[in-house]
Protein backbone atom coordinates (compact mmCIF):
# COMPACT_ATOMS: atom_id res chain seq x y z
CA MET A 1 -21.13 -31.98 17.60
CA LYS A 2 -22.89 -29.16 15.77
CA ASN A 3 -20.01 -29.12 13.13
CA MET A 4 -20.33 -32.77 12.69
CA ASN A 5 -24.10 -32.73 11.94
CA GLN A 6 -23.27 -29.74 9.42
CA MET A 7 -20.79 -31.74 7.74
CA MET A 8 -23.05 -34.87 7.60
CA LYS A 9 -25.70 -32.56 6.03
CA GLN A 10 -23.21 -31.22 3.54
CA MET A 11 -22.24 -34.64 2.47
CA LYS A 12 -25.61 -35.95 2.13
CA LYS A 13 -26.21 -32.86 -0.09
CA MET A 14 -23.20 -33.46 -2.26
CA GLN A 15 -24.02 -37.32 -2.39
CA ALA A 16 -27.51 -36.09 -3.77
CA GLN A 17 -25.95 -33.90 -6.31
CA MET A 18 -23.45 -36.33 -7.55
CA ALA A 19 -26.23 -39.05 -8.03
CA LYS A 20 -28.17 -36.56 -10.20
CA ALA A 21 -25.10 -35.57 -12.08
CA GLN A 22 -24.17 -39.35 -12.82
CA GLU A 23 -28.04 -39.96 -13.90
CA GLU A 24 -27.83 -36.86 -16.42
CA LEU A 25 -24.44 -38.02 -17.75
CA GLY A 26 -26.39 -41.12 -19.11
CA GLU A 27 -28.76 -38.87 -21.12
CA LYS A 28 -25.97 -36.97 -22.66
CA GLU A 29 -24.43 -38.27 -25.85
CA VAL A 30 -20.92 -37.67 -27.39
CA GLU A 31 -19.83 -38.61 -31.02
CA GLY A 32 -16.44 -39.90 -32.12
CA THR A 33 -15.66 -39.77 -35.96
CA ALA A 34 -12.76 -41.15 -38.24
CA GLY A 35 -12.11 -41.00 -41.89
CA GLY A 36 -13.61 -37.57 -42.35
CA GLY A 37 -16.86 -38.73 -40.83
CA VAL A 38 -17.41 -41.93 -42.70
CA VAL A 39 -17.40 -43.82 -39.49
CA LYS A 40 -19.23 -42.44 -36.47
CA VAL A 41 -19.60 -43.95 -32.96
CA THR A 42 -22.28 -42.28 -30.54
CA MET A 43 -21.84 -43.07 -26.87
CA ASN A 44 -23.51 -41.68 -23.73
CA GLY A 45 -22.00 -40.42 -20.73
CA HIS A 46 -21.89 -43.91 -19.12
CA LYS A 47 -19.68 -45.25 -21.66
CA GLN A 48 -22.36 -47.22 -23.53
CA VAL A 49 -22.15 -47.49 -27.35
CA LEU A 50 -25.70 -46.16 -28.71
CA ALA A 51 -24.73 -46.42 -32.28
CA VAL A 52 -22.04 -47.08 -35.09
CA GLU A 53 -22.43 -45.59 -38.32
CA ILE A 54 -20.38 -46.64 -41.38
CA ASP A 55 -20.80 -44.91 -44.57
CA PRO A 56 -21.16 -47.50 -47.44
CA GLU A 57 -17.98 -45.78 -49.16
CA ALA A 58 -15.79 -46.72 -46.21
CA VAL A 59 -16.55 -50.39 -47.09
CA ASP A 60 -13.84 -51.86 -49.10
CA PRO A 61 -13.63 -55.49 -49.17
CA GLU A 62 -9.93 -55.33 -50.29
CA ASP A 63 -8.97 -53.08 -47.13
CA VAL A 64 -10.97 -54.42 -44.30
CA GLU A 65 -8.06 -53.33 -42.12
CA MET A 66 -8.61 -49.59 -42.70
CA LEU A 67 -12.34 -49.82 -41.76
CA GLN A 68 -11.21 -51.65 -38.61
CA ASP A 69 -8.75 -48.85 -37.85
CA MET A 70 -11.39 -46.12 -38.31
CA VAL A 71 -14.01 -47.88 -36.14
CA THR A 72 -11.26 -48.14 -33.39
CA ALA A 73 -10.24 -44.44 -33.86
CA ALA A 74 -13.88 -43.22 -33.71
CA PHE A 75 -14.60 -45.27 -30.61
CA ASN A 76 -11.50 -43.99 -28.96
CA GLU A 77 -12.22 -40.33 -29.62
CA ALA A 78 -15.82 -40.88 -28.33
CA MET A 79 -14.25 -42.48 -25.23
CA LYS A 80 -12.16 -39.41 -24.86
CA LYS A 81 -15.08 -37.20 -25.14
CA VAL A 82 -16.93 -39.03 -22.55
CA ASP A 83 -14.00 -38.92 -20.08
CA ASP A 84 -13.85 -35.03 -20.76
CA LEU A 85 -17.60 -34.65 -20.28
CA VAL A 86 -17.43 -36.45 -16.80
CA ALA A 87 -14.52 -34.68 -15.78
CA LYS A 88 -16.16 -31.31 -16.54
CA ASP A 89 -19.63 -32.15 -15.10
CA LEU A 90 -18.25 -34.08 -11.92
CA GLY A 91 -15.33 -31.99 -11.57
CA LYS A 92 -17.42 -29.00 -10.59
CA MET A 93 -18.66 -30.78 -7.48
CA THR A 94 -15.26 -32.39 -6.49
CA GLY A 95 -13.38 -29.21 -6.84
CA GLY A 96 -10.95 -30.87 -9.28
CA LEU A 97 -10.19 -33.81 -6.85
CA ASN A 98 -9.98 -37.10 -8.70
CA ILE A 99 -11.87 -39.33 -6.13
CA PRO A 100 -11.15 -42.81 -7.06
CA GLY A 101 -14.17 -44.82 -8.47
CA LEU A 102 -16.09 -41.68 -9.03
CA PHE A 103 -15.02 -41.45 -12.74
């Protein structure tokens, strides 16, 4: 029984650490860019888009498709950076295990 109590204490401690780490992720920001920086997407660690910046020189009424592609590329880059951030921050606690639903 002593081992079981120790294991439960460790699990509660790990749970608290994970909750804190997830909270801290919400405060971290990443930025994805495209077109040499004319399109920027800023996201937090919870994958919430905080800002989309488009330089006026990127707006060409004759080529809206290019702007759409740049916004998509910047968004995808930001998402990748968030995934990397989550894996780095939470991976420390899980020892590299991919726990479903955690990230």
